[in-house]
Amino acid sequence: GRTKEFALEIQRAEELDPLSPLTYRTGEVGYLLGHQNDRAVEQAQKAIEVQPDYFFAHTWLGVIYAQMGRRPEAVAEAEKGAQLTDSPLIHAFLGYAYAAAGKKAEARKIAEELAAKRAQRYVCPYEIGTIYLTLGEKNEAFRWYEKAYEERSVCVPLMKFDPRLDSVHADARFQDLIRRIGFPQ
């Protein structure tokens, strides 16, 4: 809700360190959460320009493109990011891009692989839920969102602002989660 302040802070950070891909990644994520996709794309492209192999920038750009309906570009960027790291978070974003692009089998495979990896390493259940939500499987998505809440996942505070969840804002289960998390109604 404080997008003007955010924009000023990002601009100041860019002035202080124009070669920091982290500054631009922060900008791209912040603008995405603020539903300012064009500005988010600009920030992602700046991050990639500064550091072409920055997997976070590629993957978040894929998420942004998916939100914009630019599905082939979403998949291409998310795949670039996933090729650069074995991070479960990055692979979850690839699963989301696949789901948004209608590549259901690929998305489901990633969700299942991530669920299996939870026995060995941390995988954010929120992100698994978001793959299922994008596949249209709301009940499965909410099962994973409940796990994220129970585990106090670091992703949970994004829930109210994440545009990937816009479709369920009116769902009573979503409203209940938001209330339990402690967001103002």
C-alpha atoms as a PDB file:
ATOM      1  CA  GLY A   1       0.000   0.000   0.000  1.00  0.00           C
ATOM      2  CA  ARG A   2       3.023   2.307   0.150  1.00  0.00           C
ATOM      3  CA  THR A   3       4.061   2.086  -3.496  1.00  0.00           C
ATOM      4  CA  LYS A   4       5.240   5.694  -3.815  1.00  0.00           C
ATOM      5  CA  GLU A   5       7.597   5.284  -0.869  1.00  0.00           C
ATOM      6  CA  PHE A   6       8.781   1.956  -2.264  1.00  0.00           C
ATOM      7  CA  ALA A   7       9.509   3.504  -5.672  1.00  0.00           C
ATOM      8  CA  LEU A   8      11.521   6.305  -4.059  1.00  0.00           C
ATOM      9  CA  GLU A   9      13.542   3.839  -1.981  1.00  0.00           C
ATOM     10  CA  ILE A  10      14.307   1.671  -5.014  1.00  0.00           C
ATOM     11  CA  GLN A  11      15.338   4.745  -6.994  1.00  0.00           C
ATOM     12  CA  ARG A  12      17.640   5.797  -4.158  1.00  0.00           C
ATOM     13  CA  ALA A  13      19.144   2.295  -3.942  1.00  0.00           C
ATOM     14  CA  GLU A  14      19.791   2.341  -7.704  1.00  0.00           C
ATOM     15  CA  GLU A  15      21.567   5.687  -7.366  1.00  0.00           C
ATOM     16  CA  LEU A  16      23.715   4.392  -4.489  1.00  0.00           C
ATOM     17  CA  ASP A  17      24.647   1.105  -6.178  1.00  0.00           C
ATOM     18  CA  PRO A  18      23.646   0.907  -9.847  1.00  0.00           C
ATOM     19  CA  LEU A  19      25.560  -2.359 -10.306  1.00  0.00           C
ATOM     20  CA  SER A  20      23.744  -4.326  -7.621  1.00  0.00           C
ATOM     21  CA  PRO A  21      21.466  -6.994  -9.094  1.00  0.00           C
ATOM     22  CA  LEU A  22      19.920  -7.405  -5.635  1.00  0.00           C
ATOM     23  CA  THR A  23      18.602  -3.836  -5.772  1.00  0.00           C
ATOM     24  CA  TYR A  24      16.877  -4.540  -9.065  1.00  0.00           C
ATOM     25  CA  ARG A  25      15.558  -7.904  -7.867  1.00  0.00           C
ATOM     26  CA  THR A  26      14.062  -6.185  -4.838  1.00  0.00           C
ATOM     27  CA  GLY A  27      12.476  -3.722  -7.234  1.00  0.00           C
ATOM     28  CA  GLU A  28      11.081  -6.402  -9.501  1.00  0.00           C
ATOM     29  CA  VAL A  29       9.534  -8.356  -6.626  1.00  0.00           C
ATOM     30  CA  GLY A  30       8.161  -5.231  -4.955  1.00  0.00           C
ATOM     31  CA  TYR A  31       6.592  -3.961  -8.142  1.00  0.00           C
ATOM     32  CA  LEU A  32       5.139  -7.407  -8.885  1.00  0.00           C
ATOM     33  CA  LEU A  33       3.551  -7.534  -5.424  1.00  0.00           C
ATOM     34  CA  GLY A  34       2.237  -4.023  -6.049  1.00  0.00           C
ATOM     35  CA  HIS A  35       0.668  -5.174  -9.324  1.00  0.00           C
ATOM     36  CA  GLN A  36       2.954  -2.888 -11.340  1.00  0.00           C
ATOM     37  CA  ASN A  37       4.099  -5.464 -13.859  1.00  0.00           C
ATOM     38  CA  ASP A  38       5.653  -3.104 -16.420  1.00  0.00           C
ATOM     39  CA  ARG A  39       7.911  -1.581 -13.770  1.00  0.00           C
ATOM     40  CA  ALA A  40       8.693  -5.061 -12.452  1.00  0.00           C
ATOM     41  CA  VAL A  41       9.817  -6.129 -15.939  1.00  0.00           C
ATOM     42  CA  GLU A  42      12.087  -3.068 -16.176  1.00  0.00           C
ATOM     43  CA  GLN A  43      13.720  -3.947 -12.858  1.00  0.00           C
ATOM     44  CA  ALA A  44      14.209  -7.588 -13.859  1.00  0.00           C
ATOM     45  CA  GLN A  45      15.793  -6.589 -17.151  1.00  0.00           C
ATOM     46  CA  LYS A  46      18.174  -4.232 -15.327  1.00  0.00           C
ATOM     47  CA  ALA A  47      19.177  -7.033 -12.937  1.00  0.00           C
ATOM     48  CA  ILE A  48      19.862  -9.371 -15.863  1.00  0.00           C
ATOM     49  CA  GLU A  49      21.817  -6.647 -17.663  1.00  0.00           C
ATOM     50  CA  VAL A  50      24.034  -6.204 -14.589  1.00  0.00           C
ATOM     51  CA  GLN A  51      24.386  -9.955 -13.953  1.00  0.00           C
ATOM     52  CA  PRO A  52      23.222 -12.164 -16.862  1.00  0.00           C
ATOM     53  CA  ASP A  53      23.398 -15.379 -14.826  1.00  0.00           C
ATOM     54  CA  TYR A  54      21.332 -14.074 -11.898  1.00  0.00           C
ATOM     55  CA  PHE A  55      18.829 -16.899 -11.560  1.00  0.00           C
ATOM     56  CA  PHE A  56      16.476 -14.991  -9.262  1.00  0.00           C
ATOM     57  CA  ALA A  57      16.048 -12.216 -11.831  1.00  0.00           C
ATOM     58  CA  HIS A  58      15.309 -14.654 -14.653  1.00  0.00           C
ATOM     59  CA  THR A  59      12.861 -16.643 -12.581  1.00  0.00           C
ATOM     60  CA  TRP A  60      10.988 -13.665 -11.168  1.00  0.00           C
ATOM     61  CA  LEU A  61      10.819 -12.270 -14.707  1.00  0.00           C
ATOM     62  CA  GLY A  62       9.155 -15.549 -15.642  1.00  0.00           C
ATOM     63  CA  VAL A  63       6.622 -15.064 -12.844  1.00  0.00           C
ATOM     64  CA  ILE A  64       5.943 -11.503 -13.992  1.00  0.00           C
ATOM     65  CA  TYR A  65       5.501 -12.577 -17.608  1.00  0.00           C
ATOM     66  CA  ALA A  66       3.086 -15.296 -16.478  1.00  0.00           C
ATOM     67  CA  GLN A  67       1.062 -12.655 -14.623  1.00  0.00           C
ATOM     68  CA  MET A  68       1.000 -10.591 -17.805  1.00  0.00           C
ATOM     69  CA  GLY A  69      -0.197 -13.532 -19.895  1.00  0.00           C
ATOM     70  CA  ARG A  70       3.098 -13.715 -21.789  1.00  0.00           C
ATOM     71  CA  ARG A  71       3.318 -17.447 -21.293  1.00  0.00           C
ATOM     72  CA  PRO A  72       6.082 -18.507 -23.748  1.00  0.00           C
ATOM     73  CA  GLU A  73       8.346 -15.790 -22.340  1.00  0.00           C
ATOM     74  CA  ALA A  74       7.392 -16.812 -18.798  1.00  0.00           C
ATOM     75  CA  VAL A  75       8.458 -20.391 -19.404  1.00  0.00           C
ATOM     76  CA  ALA A  76      11.668 -19.351 -21.190  1.00  0.00           C
ATOM     77  CA  GLU A  77      12.791 -17.071 -18.351  1.00  0.00           C
ATOM     78  CA  ALA A  78      11.814 -19.511 -15.600  1.00  0.00           C
ATOM     79  CA  GLU A  79      13.686 -22.295 -17.400  1.00  0.00           C
ATOM     80  CA  LYS A  80      16.786 -20.075 -17.645  1.00  0.00           C
ATOM     81  CA  GLY A  81      16.645 -19.463 -13.914  1.00  0.00           C
ATOM     82  CA  ALA A  82      16.118 -23.144 -13.099  1.00  0.00           C
ATOM     83  CA  GLN A  83      19.080 -24.141 -15.270  1.00  0.00           C
ATOM     84  CA  LEU A  84      21.330 -21.950 -13.136  1.00  0.00           C
ATOM     85  CA  THR A  85      20.478 -23.435  -9.708  1.00  0.00           C
ATOM     86  CA  ASP A  86      18.964 -26.412  -7.938  1.00  0.00           C
ATOM     87  CA  SER A  87      17.084 -24.151  -5.502  1.00  0.00           C
ATOM     88  CA  PRO A  88      13.639 -25.589  -4.729  1.00  0.00           C
ATOM     89  CA  LEU A  89      12.198 -22.069  -4.689  1.00  0.00           C
ATOM     90  CA  ILE A  90      13.411 -21.384  -8.207  1.00  0.00           C
ATOM     91  CA  HIS A  91      12.081 -24.728  -9.415  1.00  0.00           C
ATOM     92  CA  ALA A  92       8.735 -23.928  -7.770  1.00  0.00           C
ATOM     93  CA  PHE A  93       8.601 -20.740  -9.825  1.00  0.00           C
ATOM     94  CA  LEU A  94       9.265 -22.848 -12.922  1.00  0.00           C
ATOM     95  CA  GLY A  95       6.370 -25.091 -11.908  1.00  0.00           C
ATOM     96  CA  TYR A  96       4.185 -22.009 -11.595  1.00  0.00           C
ATOM     97  CA  ALA A  97       5.242 -20.781 -15.062  1.00  0.00           C
ATOM     98  CA  TYR A  98       4.480 -24.201 -16.535  1.00  0.00           C
ATOM     99  CA  ALA A  99       1.051 -24.239 -14.876  1.00  0.00           C
ATOM    100  CA  ALA A 100       0.281 -20.714 -16.098  1.00  0.00           C
ATOM    101  CA  ALA A 101       1.303 -21.748 -19.619  1.00  0.00           C
ATOM    102  CA  GLY A 102      -0.978 -24.787 -19.565  1.00  0.00           C
ATOM    103  CA  LYS A 103       1.893 -27.274 -19.291  1.00  0.00           C
ATOM    104  CA  LYS A 104       0.025 -29.221 -16.648  1.00  0.00           C
ATOM    105  CA  ALA A 105       2.057 -32.438 -16.685  1.00  0.00           C
ATOM    106  CA  GLU A 106       5.338 -30.546 -16.294  1.00  0.00           C
ATOM    107  CA  ALA A 107       3.910 -28.371 -13.515  1.00  0.00           C
ATOM    108  CA  ARG A 108       2.459 -31.321 -11.626  1.00  0.00           C
ATOM    109  CA  LYS A 109       5.757 -33.220 -11.932  1.00  0.00           C
ATOM    110  CA  ILE A 110       7.640 -30.313 -10.366  1.00  0.00           C
ATOM    111  CA  ALA A 111       5.076 -30.008  -7.551  1.00  0.00           C
ATOM    112  CA  GLU A 112       5.403 -33.723  -6.803  1.00  0.00           C
ATOM    113  CA  GLU A 113       9.219 -33.598  -6.918  1.00  0.00           C
ATOM    114  CA  LEU A 114       9.250 -30.618  -4.562  1.00  0.00           C
ATOM    115  CA  ALA A 115       6.897 -32.383  -2.154  1.00  0.00           C
ATOM    116  CA  ALA A 116       9.223 -35.407  -2.153  1.00  0.00           C
ATOM    117  CA  LYS A 117      12.299 -33.211  -1.561  1.00  0.00           C
ATOM    118  CA  ARG A 118      10.760 -31.897   1.654  1.00  0.00           C
ATOM    119  CA  ALA A 119      12.074 -35.015   3.402  1.00  0.00           C
ATOM    120  CA  GLN A 120      15.674 -33.922   2.691  1.00  0.00           C
ATOM    121  CA  ARG A 121      15.621 -30.112   2.557  1.00  0.00           C
ATOM    122  CA  TYR A 122      13.420 -27.123   3.087  1.00  0.00           C
ATOM    123  CA  VAL A 123      10.859 -26.534   0.371  1.00  0.00           C
ATOM    124  CA  CYS A 124       8.319 -23.782   0.924  1.00  0.00           C
ATOM    125  CA  PRO A 125       4.867 -25.416   1.012  1.00  0.00           C
ATOM    126  CA  TYR A 126       3.339 -22.097  -0.020  1.00  0.00           C
ATOM    127  CA  GLU A 127       5.056 -22.343  -3.404  1.00  0.00           C
ATOM    128  CA  ILE A 128       3.874 -25.923  -3.921  1.00  0.00           C
ATOM    129  CA  GLY A 129       0.365 -24.697  -3.159  1.00  0.00           C
ATOM    130  CA  THR A 130       0.711 -21.924  -5.707  1.00  0.00           C
ATOM    131  CA  ILE A 131       1.556 -24.439  -8.431  1.00  0.00           C
ATOM    132  CA  TYR A 132      -1.590 -26.386  -7.558  1.00  0.00           C
ATOM    133  CA  LEU A 133      -3.670 -23.208  -7.432  1.00  0.00           C
ATOM    134  CA  THR A 134      -2.481 -22.257 -10.906  1.00  0.00           C
ATOM    135  CA  LEU A 135      -3.373 -25.754 -12.088  1.00  0.00           C
ATOM    136  CA  GLY A 136      -6.904 -25.068 -10.858  1.00  0.00           C
ATOM    137  CA  GLU A 137      -6.660 -27.478  -7.914  1.00  0.00           C
ATOM    138  CA  LYS A 138      -7.822 -25.146  -5.135  1.00  0.00           C
ATOM    139  CA  ASN A 139      -8.359 -27.786  -2.458  1.00  0.00           C
ATOM    140  CA  GLU A 140      -4.827 -29.116  -2.911  1.00  0.00           C
ATOM    141  CA  ALA A 141      -3.492 -25.564  -2.944  1.00  0.00           C
ATOM    142  CA  PHE A 142      -5.166 -24.760   0.368  1.00  0.00           C
ATOM    143  CA  ARG A 143      -3.830 -27.990   1.865  1.00  0.00           C
ATOM    144  CA  TRP A 144      -0.328 -26.693   1.116  1.00  0.00           C
ATOM    145  CA  TYR A 145      -1.139 -23.161   2.290  1.00  0.00           C
ATOM    146  CA  GLU A 146      -2.255 -24.627   5.620  1.00  0.00           C
ATOM    147  CA  LYS A 147       1.078 -26.464   5.865  1.00  0.00           C
ATOM    148  CA  ALA A 148       2.879 -23.198   5.169  1.00  0.00           C
ATOM    149  CA  TYR A 149       0.902 -21.508   7.928  1.00  0.00           C
ATOM    150  CA  GLU A 150       1.501 -24.355  10.398  1.00  0.00           C
ATOM    151  CA  GLU A 151       5.245 -24.337   9.646  1.00  0.00           C
ATOM    152  CA  ARG A 152       5.409 -20.554   9.876  1.00  0.00           C
ATOM    153  CA  SER A 153       6.973 -20.500   6.439  1.00  0.00           C
ATOM    154  CA  VAL A 154       8.873 -17.371   5.461  1.00  0.00           C
ATOM    155  CA  CYS A 155       6.646 -17.125   2.371  1.00  0.00           C
ATOM    156  CA  VAL A 156       3.402 -16.721   4.333  1.00  0.00           C
ATOM    157  CA  PRO A 157       3.642 -12.927   4.833  1.00  0.00           C
ATOM    158  CA  LEU A 158       3.477 -12.536   1.036  1.00  0.00           C
ATOM    159  CA  MET A 159       0.142 -14.315   0.844  1.00  0.00           C
ATOM    160  CA  LYS A 160      -2.054 -11.234   1.031  1.00  0.00           C
ATOM    161  CA  PHE A 161      -0.076  -9.390  -1.655  1.00  0.00           C
ATOM    162  CA  ASP A 162       1.004 -12.155  -4.045  1.00  0.00           C
ATOM    163  CA  PRO A 163      -0.836 -11.553  -7.336  1.00  0.00           C
ATOM    164  CA  ARG A 164      -0.678 -15.270  -8.084  1.00  0.00           C
ATOM    165  CA  LEU A 165      -3.315 -15.679  -5.341  1.00  0.00           C
ATOM    166  CA  ASP A 166      -5.663 -12.930  -6.517  1.00  0.00           C
ATOM    167  CA  SER A 167      -8.156 -15.522  -7.760  1.00  0.00           C
ATOM    168  CA  VAL A 168      -8.816 -16.808  -4.230  1.00  0.00           C
ATOM    169  CA  HIS A 169      -9.074 -13.559  -2.271  1.00  0.00           C
ATOM    170  CA  ALA A 170     -12.835 -14.001  -1.919  1.00  0.00           C
ATOM    171  CA  ASP A 171     -12.505 -17.650  -0.822  1.00  0.00           C
ATOM    172  CA  ALA A 172     -13.451 -18.125   2.842  1.00  0.00           C
ATOM    173  CA  ARG A 173     -10.383 -20.337   3.368  1.00  0.00           C
ATOM    174  CA  PHE A 174      -8.123 -17.537   2.159  1.00  0.00           C
ATOM    175  CA  GLN A 175      -9.876 -14.993   4.365  1.00  0.00           C
ATOM    176  CA  ASP A 176      -9.486 -17.325   7.342  1.00  0.00           C
ATOM    177  CA  LEU A 177      -5.752 -17.741   6.679  1.00  0.00           C
ATOM    178  CA  ILE A 178      -5.272 -13.991   6.352  1.00  0.00           C
ATOM    179  CA  ARG A 179      -7.086 -13.465   9.655  1.00  0.00           C
ATOM    180  CA  ARG A 180      -4.994 -16.129  11.427  1.00  0.00           C
ATOM    181  CA  ILE A 181      -1.770 -14.708  10.007  1.00  0.00           C
ATOM    182  CA  GLY A 182      -2.743 -11.400  11.582  1.00  0.00           C
ATOM    183  CA  PHE A 183      -3.311  -9.156   8.597  1.00  0.00           C
ATOM    184  CA  PRO A 184      -5.811  -6.358   9.126  1.00  0.00           C
ATOM    185  CA  GLN A 185      -9.137  -7.098   7.460  1.00  0.00           C
END
